């Protein structure tokens, strides 16, 4: 489980100091896992120092405070954020595709305008030749 650093003060819940299996005051950590993002829990204060040799004390803070509601709200908020990020990503892809289509259409329009100018120039030249031949011819 990926953990952030705990609070520097030892934790109380309901006015009682929580103690880990080592007998030390428990410390509050914050989970960074996908299943429980941002969820706070009590753990042994020697966890970071002792590696795997520390005691295995673990208790969710929100189960002490209010049963399940904060966790469910957080999980729902994370799911909504992920869905919004997915929609934003799809919109960004759509913008890139539309920009590419627009550039292609502008390029095609430029070619059409060039051809039309060329035709108008040729027709104007032909008209000058016809008028000149009629007058001088």
N, C-alpha and C. Protein backbone atom coordinates (compact mmCIF):
# COMPACT_ATOMS: atom_id res chain seq x y z
N UNK A 1 0.85 -1.17 0.00
CA UNK A 1 0.00 0.00 0.00
C UNK A 1 0.89 1.23 0.00
N UNK A 2 0.63 2.14 -0.91
CA UNK A 2 1.39 3.38 -1.00
C UNK A 2 0.87 4.35 0.05
N UNK A 3 1.75 4.88 0.86
CA UNK A 3 1.34 5.74 1.96
C UNK A 3 1.99 7.10 1.85
N UNK A 4 1.28 8.11 2.28
CA UNK A 4 1.93 9.41 2.43
C UNK A 4 2.46 9.48 3.85
N UNK A 5 3.23 10.49 4.13
CA UNK A 5 3.74 10.63 5.49
C UNK A 5 2.58 10.93 6.43
N UNK A 6 2.69 10.45 7.61
CA UNK A 6 1.62 10.65 8.59
C UNK A 6 1.72 12.01 9.23
N UNK A 7 0.72 12.32 10.02
CA UNK A 7 0.76 13.60 10.73
C UNK A 7 1.82 13.54 11.80
N UNK A 8 2.34 14.70 12.17
CA UNK A 8 3.42 14.70 13.15
C UNK A 8 2.90 14.48 14.56
N UNK A 9 1.61 14.73 14.78
CA UNK A 9 1.08 14.48 16.11
C UNK A 9 0.41 13.12 16.16
N UNK A 10 0.39 12.54 17.33
CA UNK A 10 -0.28 11.26 17.47
C UNK A 10 -1.78 11.49 17.45
N UNK A 11 -2.54 10.49 17.13
CA UNK A 11 -3.96 10.70 16.85
C UNK A 11 -4.86 10.22 17.96
N UNK A 12 -5.96 10.94 18.07
CA UNK A 12 -7.01 10.59 19.02
C UNK A 12 -8.29 10.40 18.24
N UNK A 13 -9.08 9.46 18.65
CA UNK A 13 -10.41 9.29 18.08
C UNK A 13 -11.34 9.07 19.25
N UNK A 14 -12.36 9.87 19.33
CA UNK A 14 -13.31 9.81 20.44
C UNK A 14 -12.62 10.08 21.77
N UNK A 15 -11.53 10.87 21.76
CA UNK A 15 -10.86 11.24 22.99
C UNK A 15 -9.93 10.18 23.54
N UNK A 16 -9.80 9.04 22.87
CA UNK A 16 -8.94 7.95 23.34
C UNK A 16 -7.73 7.87 22.42
N UNK A 17 -6.53 7.82 23.00
CA UNK A 17 -5.32 7.69 22.19
C UNK A 17 -5.29 6.29 21.61
N UNK A 18 -5.16 6.20 20.28
CA UNK A 18 -5.03 4.90 19.62
C UNK A 18 -3.59 4.43 19.77
N UNK A 19 -3.43 3.18 20.13
CA UNK A 19 -2.10 2.62 20.26
C UNK A 19 -1.97 1.44 19.32
N UNK A 20 -0.79 1.34 18.71
CA UNK A 20 -0.55 0.21 17.81
C UNK A 20 -0.16 -1.01 18.64
N UNK A 21 0.12 -2.12 17.96
CA UNK A 21 0.48 -3.36 18.63
C UNK A 21 1.83 -3.28 19.34
N UNK A 22 2.65 -2.26 18.99
CA UNK A 22 3.93 -2.03 19.67
C UNK A 22 3.73 -1.31 21.00
N UNK A 23 2.53 -0.75 21.19
CA UNK A 23 2.25 0.02 22.39
C UNK A 23 2.52 1.50 22.21
N UNK A 24 2.95 1.89 21.02
CA UNK A 24 3.22 3.31 20.73
C UNK A 24 1.93 3.97 20.26
N UNK A 25 1.81 5.29 20.44
CA UNK A 25 0.64 5.99 19.90
C UNK A 25 0.62 5.85 18.38
N UNK A 26 -0.55 5.51 17.83
CA UNK A 26 -0.68 5.33 16.39
C UNK A 26 -0.60 6.68 15.68
N UNK A 27 -0.19 6.64 14.42
CA UNK A 27 -0.03 7.83 13.60
C UNK A 27 -1.06 7.75 12.47
N UNK A 28 -1.53 8.90 11.99
CA UNK A 28 -2.48 8.89 10.87
C UNK A 28 -1.71 9.00 9.57
N UNK A 29 -2.00 8.10 8.64
CA UNK A 29 -1.43 8.09 7.30
C UNK A 29 -2.57 8.28 6.30
N UNK A 30 -2.23 8.61 5.07
CA UNK A 30 -3.23 8.76 4.01
C UNK A 30 -2.91 7.78 2.90
N UNK A 31 -3.90 7.00 2.53
CA UNK A 31 -3.73 6.00 1.47
C UNK A 31 -3.66 6.67 0.11
N UNK A 32 -2.80 6.15 -0.74
CA UNK A 32 -2.70 6.64 -2.11
C UNK A 32 -3.02 5.52 -3.10
N UNK A 33 -3.70 4.50 -2.63
CA UNK A 33 -4.05 3.38 -3.51
C UNK A 33 -5.25 3.75 -4.36
N UNK A 34 -5.43 3.02 -5.46
CA UNK A 34 -6.57 3.27 -6.34
C UNK A 34 -7.88 2.88 -5.66
N UNK A 35 -7.85 1.85 -4.85
CA UNK A 35 -9.07 1.38 -4.20
C UNK A 35 -9.53 2.32 -3.08
N UNK A 36 -8.59 2.93 -2.38
CA UNK A 36 -8.93 3.81 -1.24
C UNK A 36 -8.16 5.13 -1.33
N UNK A 37 -8.32 5.90 -2.42
CA UNK A 37 -7.53 7.12 -2.58
C UNK A 37 -7.89 8.18 -1.54
N UNK A 38 -6.85 8.71 -0.89
CA UNK A 38 -7.06 9.79 0.07
C UNK A 38 -7.68 9.36 1.39
N UNK A 39 -7.91 8.09 1.54
CA UNK A 39 -8.55 7.60 2.76
C UNK A 39 -7.50 7.54 3.88
N UNK A 40 -7.87 8.06 5.04
CA UNK A 40 -6.93 8.12 6.17
C UNK A 40 -7.06 6.88 7.05
N UNK A 41 -5.92 6.49 7.64
CA UNK A 41 -5.93 5.32 8.53
C UNK A 41 -4.89 5.47 9.63
N UNK A 42 -5.14 4.75 10.72
CA UNK A 42 -4.18 4.69 11.80
C UNK A 42 -3.18 3.58 11.48
N UNK A 43 -1.91 3.83 11.78
CA UNK A 43 -0.88 2.83 11.59
C UNK A 43 0.24 3.02 12.58
N UNK A 44 1.12 2.05 12.62
CA UNK A 44 2.28 2.12 13.51
C UNK A 44 3.18 3.27 13.08
N UNK A 45 3.64 4.09 14.04
CA UNK A 45 4.49 5.23 13.71
C UNK A 45 5.87 4.78 13.23
N UNK A 46 6.23 3.53 13.46
CA UNK A 46 7.54 3.03 13.02
C UNK A 46 7.47 2.38 11.63
N UNK A 47 6.33 2.49 10.96
CA UNK A 47 6.16 1.82 9.66
C UNK A 47 7.28 2.19 8.69
N UNK A 48 7.53 3.48 8.50
CA UNK A 48 8.55 3.91 7.54
C UNK A 48 9.96 3.53 8.00
N UNK A 49 10.21 3.57 9.30
CA UNK A 49 11.54 3.27 9.82
C UNK A 49 11.81 1.77 9.87
N UNK A 50 10.79 1.00 10.22
CA UNK A 50 11.00 -0.42 10.47
C UNK A 50 10.80 -1.31 9.26
N UNK A 51 10.34 -0.76 8.14
CA UNK A 51 10.10 -1.59 6.96
C UNK A 51 9.07 -2.66 7.26
N UNK A 52 9.37 -3.91 6.96
CA UNK A 52 8.41 -4.99 7.17
C UNK A 52 8.49 -5.55 8.59
N UNK A 53 9.42 -5.07 9.41
CA UNK A 53 9.57 -5.58 10.76
C UNK A 53 8.67 -4.87 11.76
N UNK A 54 7.93 -3.86 11.32
CA UNK A 54 7.06 -3.12 12.25
C UNK A 54 5.82 -3.96 12.56
N UNK A 55 5.07 -3.52 13.56
CA UNK A 55 3.84 -4.23 13.87
C UNK A 55 2.82 -4.01 12.76
N UNK A 56 1.80 -4.80 12.72
CA UNK A 56 0.83 -4.75 11.62
C UNK A 56 -0.43 -3.97 11.97
N UNK A 57 -0.36 -3.06 12.93
CA UNK A 57 -1.54 -2.32 13.36
C UNK A 57 -2.08 -1.47 12.20
N UNK A 58 -3.40 -1.56 12.01
CA UNK A 58 -4.06 -0.84 10.92
C UNK A 58 -5.53 -0.67 11.27
N UNK A 59 -6.04 0.56 11.11
CA UNK A 59 -7.46 0.82 11.35
C UNK A 59 -7.85 2.07 10.56
N UNK A 60 -8.95 1.98 9.80
CA UNK A 60 -9.42 3.14 9.04
C UNK A 60 -9.94 4.21 9.99
N UNK A 61 -9.59 5.46 9.73
CA UNK A 61 -10.07 6.58 10.54
C UNK A 61 -11.56 6.79 10.31
N UNK A 62 -12.01 6.70 9.06
CA UNK A 62 -13.42 6.99 8.77
C UNK A 62 -14.38 5.96 9.37
N UNK A 63 -13.89 4.78 9.66
CA UNK A 63 -14.75 3.81 10.33
C UNK A 63 -14.92 4.18 11.80
N UNK A 64 -13.94 4.91 12.30
CA UNK A 64 -14.05 5.41 13.66
C UNK A 64 -15.01 6.60 13.71
N UNK A 65 -14.96 7.46 12.67
CA UNK A 65 -15.75 8.68 12.68
C UNK A 65 -17.19 8.44 12.26
N UNK A 66 -17.39 8.05 11.02
CA UNK A 66 -18.73 7.79 10.48
C UNK A 66 -18.62 6.56 9.60
N UNK A 67 -19.42 5.58 9.81
CA UNK A 67 -19.33 4.32 9.09
C UNK A 67 -19.58 4.51 7.59
N UNK A 68 -18.56 4.23 6.78
CA UNK A 68 -18.61 4.11 5.33
C UNK A 68 -19.00 5.35 4.53
N UNK A 69 -19.74 6.31 5.02
CA UNK A 69 -20.20 7.42 4.18
C UNK A 69 -19.05 8.20 3.55
N UNK A 70 -18.02 8.65 4.32
CA UNK A 70 -16.95 9.42 3.68
C UNK A 70 -16.21 8.60 2.61
N UNK A 71 -16.00 7.34 2.86
CA UNK A 71 -15.30 6.49 1.90
C UNK A 71 -16.10 6.37 0.61
N UNK A 72 -17.40 6.12 0.73
CA UNK A 72 -18.23 5.98 -0.45
C UNK A 72 -18.30 7.28 -1.24
N UNK A 73 -18.40 8.41 -0.53
CA UNK A 73 -18.43 9.71 -1.20
C UNK A 73 -17.12 9.96 -1.94
N UNK A 74 -16.01 9.60 -1.33
CA UNK A 74 -14.71 9.78 -1.96
C UNK A 74 -14.56 8.89 -3.18
N UNK A 75 -14.97 7.65 -3.05
CA UNK A 75 -14.89 6.72 -4.19
C UNK A 75 -15.76 7.23 -5.34
N UNK A 76 -16.95 7.73 -5.03
CA UNK A 76 -17.84 8.27 -6.06
C UNK A 76 -17.22 9.51 -6.72
N UNK A 77 -16.62 10.38 -5.91
CA UNK A 77 -15.99 11.59 -6.45
C UNK A 77 -14.83 11.23 -7.37
N UNK A 78 -14.03 10.24 -6.97
CA UNK A 78 -12.90 9.81 -7.80
C UNK A 78 -13.42 9.23 -9.11
N UNK A 79 -14.49 8.44 -9.06
CA UNK A 79 -15.06 7.86 -10.27
C UNK A 79 -15.59 8.96 -11.20
N UNK A 80 -16.24 9.98 -10.62
CA UNK A 80 -16.73 11.09 -11.44
C UNK A 80 -15.58 11.85 -12.07
N UNK A 81 -14.50 12.07 -11.31
CA UNK A 81 -13.33 12.76 -11.86
C UNK A 81 -12.72 11.97 -13.01
N UNK A 82 -12.63 10.66 -12.86
CA UNK A 82 -12.07 9.82 -13.93
C UNK A 82 -12.94 9.89 -15.18
N UNK A 83 -14.27 9.88 -15.00
CA UNK A 83 -15.18 9.98 -16.14
C UNK A 83 -15.02 11.33 -16.84
N UNK A 84 -14.90 12.40 -16.05
CA UNK A 84 -14.70 13.73 -16.63
C UNK A 84 -13.37 13.81 -17.37
N UNK A 85 -12.33 13.21 -16.81
CA UNK A 85 -11.03 13.19 -17.47
C UNK A 85 -11.11 12.42 -18.78
N UNK A 86 -11.90 11.33 -18.80
CA UNK A 86 -12.08 10.55 -20.02
C UNK A 86 -12.80 11.38 -21.08
N UNK A 87 -13.83 12.12 -20.67
CA UNK A 87 -14.57 12.97 -21.60
C UNK A 87 -13.67 14.08 -22.14
N UNK A 88 -12.87 14.69 -21.26
CA UNK A 88 -11.95 15.75 -21.69
C UNK A 88 -10.95 15.19 -22.70
N UNK A 89 -10.43 14.01 -22.43
CA UNK A 89 -9.47 13.38 -23.35
C UNK A 89 -10.12 13.14 -24.71
N UNK A 90 -11.35 12.64 -24.71
CA UNK A 90 -12.06 12.39 -25.97
C UNK A 90 -12.32 13.71 -26.71
N UNK A 91 -12.67 14.76 -25.98
CA UNK A 91 -12.89 16.07 -26.61
C UNK A 91 -11.59 16.61 -27.21
N UNK A 92 -10.48 16.40 -26.53
CA UNK A 92 -9.20 16.85 -27.07
C UNK A 92 -8.87 16.10 -28.36
N UNK A 93 -9.16 14.81 -28.41
CA UNK A 93 -8.95 14.03 -29.63
C UNK A 93 -9.84 14.57 -30.75
N UNK A 94 -11.09 14.87 -30.43
CA UNK A 94 -12.02 15.41 -31.42
C UNK A 94 -11.53 16.75 -31.95
N UNK A 95 -11.01 17.61 -31.06
CA UNK A 95 -10.48 18.91 -31.48
C UNK A 95 -9.33 18.73 -32.46
N UNK A 96 -8.43 17.80 -32.17
CA UNK A 96 -7.29 17.54 -33.06
C UNK A 96 -7.79 17.07 -34.43
N UNK A 97 -8.78 16.16 -34.43
CA UNK A 97 -9.33 15.65 -35.69
C UNK A 97 -10.00 16.78 -36.48
N UNK A 98 -10.79 17.61 -35.81
CA UNK A 98 -11.47 18.72 -36.49
C UNK A 98 -10.47 19.74 -37.04
N UNK A 99 -9.43 20.00 -36.27
CA UNK A 99 -8.39 20.94 -36.73
C UNK A 99 -7.71 20.39 -37.97
N UNK A 100 -7.44 19.09 -37.99
CA UNK A 100 -6.82 18.45 -39.15
C UNK A 100 -7.74 18.53 -40.37
N UNK A 101 -9.04 18.25 -40.17
CA UNK A 101 -10.01 18.36 -41.26
C UNK A 101 -10.09 19.78 -41.78
N UNK A 102 -10.10 20.77 -40.89
CA UNK A 102 -10.17 22.17 -41.29
C UNK A 102 -8.95 22.55 -42.12
N UNK A 103 -7.76 22.13 -41.70
CA UNK A 103 -6.55 22.43 -42.45
C UNK A 103 -6.60 21.81 -43.84
N UNK A 104 -7.13 20.59 -43.93
CA UNK A 104 -7.26 19.92 -45.23
C UNK A 104 -8.23 20.69 -46.11
N UNK A 105 -9.36 21.11 -45.56
CA UNK A 105 -10.35 21.86 -46.33
C UNK A 105 -9.78 23.21 -46.77
N UNK A 106 -9.03 23.87 -45.89
CA UNK A 106 -8.42 25.14 -46.26
C UNK A 106 -7.41 24.96 -47.39
N UNK A 107 -6.65 23.87 -47.32
CA UNK A 107 -5.68 23.57 -48.37
C UNK A 107 -6.41 23.31 -49.69
N UNK A 108 -7.49 22.52 -49.64
CA UNK A 108 -8.28 22.24 -50.84
C UNK A 108 -8.91 23.52 -51.39
N UNK A 109 -9.41 24.38 -50.49
CA UNK A 109 -10.01 25.65 -50.91
C UNK A 109 -8.96 26.52 -51.58
N UNK A 110 -7.77 26.53 -51.08
CA UNK A 110 -6.68 27.30 -51.68
C UNK A 110 -6.38 26.84 -53.09
N UNK A 111 -6.42 25.52 -53.31
CA UNK A 111 -6.20 24.98 -54.65
C UNK A 111 -7.32 25.39 -55.59
N UNK A 112 -8.56 25.34 -55.12
CA UNK A 112 -9.71 25.74 -55.95
C UNK A 112 -9.61 27.21 -56.31
N UNK A 113 -9.30 28.05 -55.33
CA UNK A 113 -9.17 29.50 -55.59
C UNK A 113 -8.05 29.75 -56.60
N UNK A 114 -6.95 29.05 -56.50
CA UNK A 114 -5.84 29.20 -57.45
C UNK A 114 -6.30 28.85 -58.86
N UNK A 115 -7.01 27.74 -59.00
CA UNK A 115 -7.51 27.33 -60.32
C UNK A 115 -8.48 28.36 -60.89
N UNK A 116 -9.37 28.87 -60.02
CA UNK A 116 -10.34 29.87 -60.49
C UNK A 116 -9.62 31.15 -60.95
N UNK A 117 -8.62 31.58 -60.25
CA UNK A 117 -7.86 32.76 -60.66
C UNK A 117 -7.15 32.52 -61.99
N UNK A 118 -6.61 31.32 -62.14
CA UNK A 118 -5.93 30.96 -63.39
C UNK A 118 -6.90 30.98 -64.56
N UNK A 119 -8.08 30.42 -64.37
CA UNK A 119 -9.10 30.41 -65.43
C UNK A 119 -9.55 31.83 -65.77
N UNK A 120 -9.80 32.64 -64.76
CA UNK A 120 -10.22 34.04 -64.99
C UNK A 120 -9.13 34.79 -65.75
N UNK A 121 -7.86 34.59 -65.38
CA UNK A 121 -6.75 35.25 -66.06
C UNK A 121 -6.69 34.80 -67.52
N UNK A 122 -6.83 33.50 -67.77
CA UNK A 122 -6.80 32.98 -69.14
C UNK A 122 -7.98 33.51 -69.96
N UNK A 123 -9.17 33.55 -69.36
CA UNK A 123 -10.34 34.07 -70.07
C UNK A 123 -10.19 35.56 -70.36
N UNK A 124 -9.64 36.31 -69.42
CA UNK A 124 -9.40 37.74 -69.65
C UNK A 124 -8.42 37.93 -70.80
N UNK A 125 -7.37 37.14 -70.82
CA UNK A 125 -6.39 37.21 -71.92
C UNK A 125 -7.01 36.85 -73.25
N UNK A 126 -7.85 35.82 -73.26
CA UNK A 126 -8.56 35.41 -74.48
C UNK A 126 -9.49 36.52 -74.96
N UNK A 127 -10.19 37.16 -74.01
CA UNK A 127 -11.09 38.24 -74.36
C UNK A 127 -10.32 39.41 -74.98
N UNK A 128 -9.15 39.74 -74.43
CA UNK A 128 -8.32 40.81 -74.98
C UNK A 128 -7.89 40.46 -76.40
N UNK A 129 -7.52 39.20 -76.63
CA UNK A 129 -7.11 38.76 -77.98
C UNK A 129 -8.27 38.87 -78.97
N UNK A 130 -9.45 38.43 -78.54
CA UNK A 130 -10.63 38.47 -79.42
C UNK A 130 -10.99 39.91 -79.75
N UNK A 131 -11.00 40.79 -78.75
CA UNK A 131 -11.33 42.19 -78.98
C UNK A 131 -10.26 42.83 -79.88
N UNK A 132 -9.01 42.53 -79.65
CA UNK A 132 -7.92 43.07 -80.47
C UNK A 132 -8.02 42.60 -81.91
N UNK A 133 -8.34 41.33 -82.11
CA UNK A 133 -8.49 40.79 -83.46
C UNK A 133 -9.67 41.42 -84.17
N UNK A 134 -10.73 41.67 -83.44
CA UNK A 134 -11.94 42.27 -84.03
C UNK A 134 -11.67 43.72 -84.45
N UNK A 135 -10.96 44.47 -83.57
CA UNK A 135 -10.69 45.86 -83.85
C UNK A 135 -9.63 46.00 -84.95
N UNK A 136 -8.57 45.24 -84.83
CA UNK A 136 -7.44 45.42 -85.75
C UNK A 136 -7.47 44.41 -86.91
N UNK A 137 -8.33 43.53 -86.88
CA UNK A 137 -8.29 42.48 -87.82
C UNK A 137 -9.11 42.51 -88.98
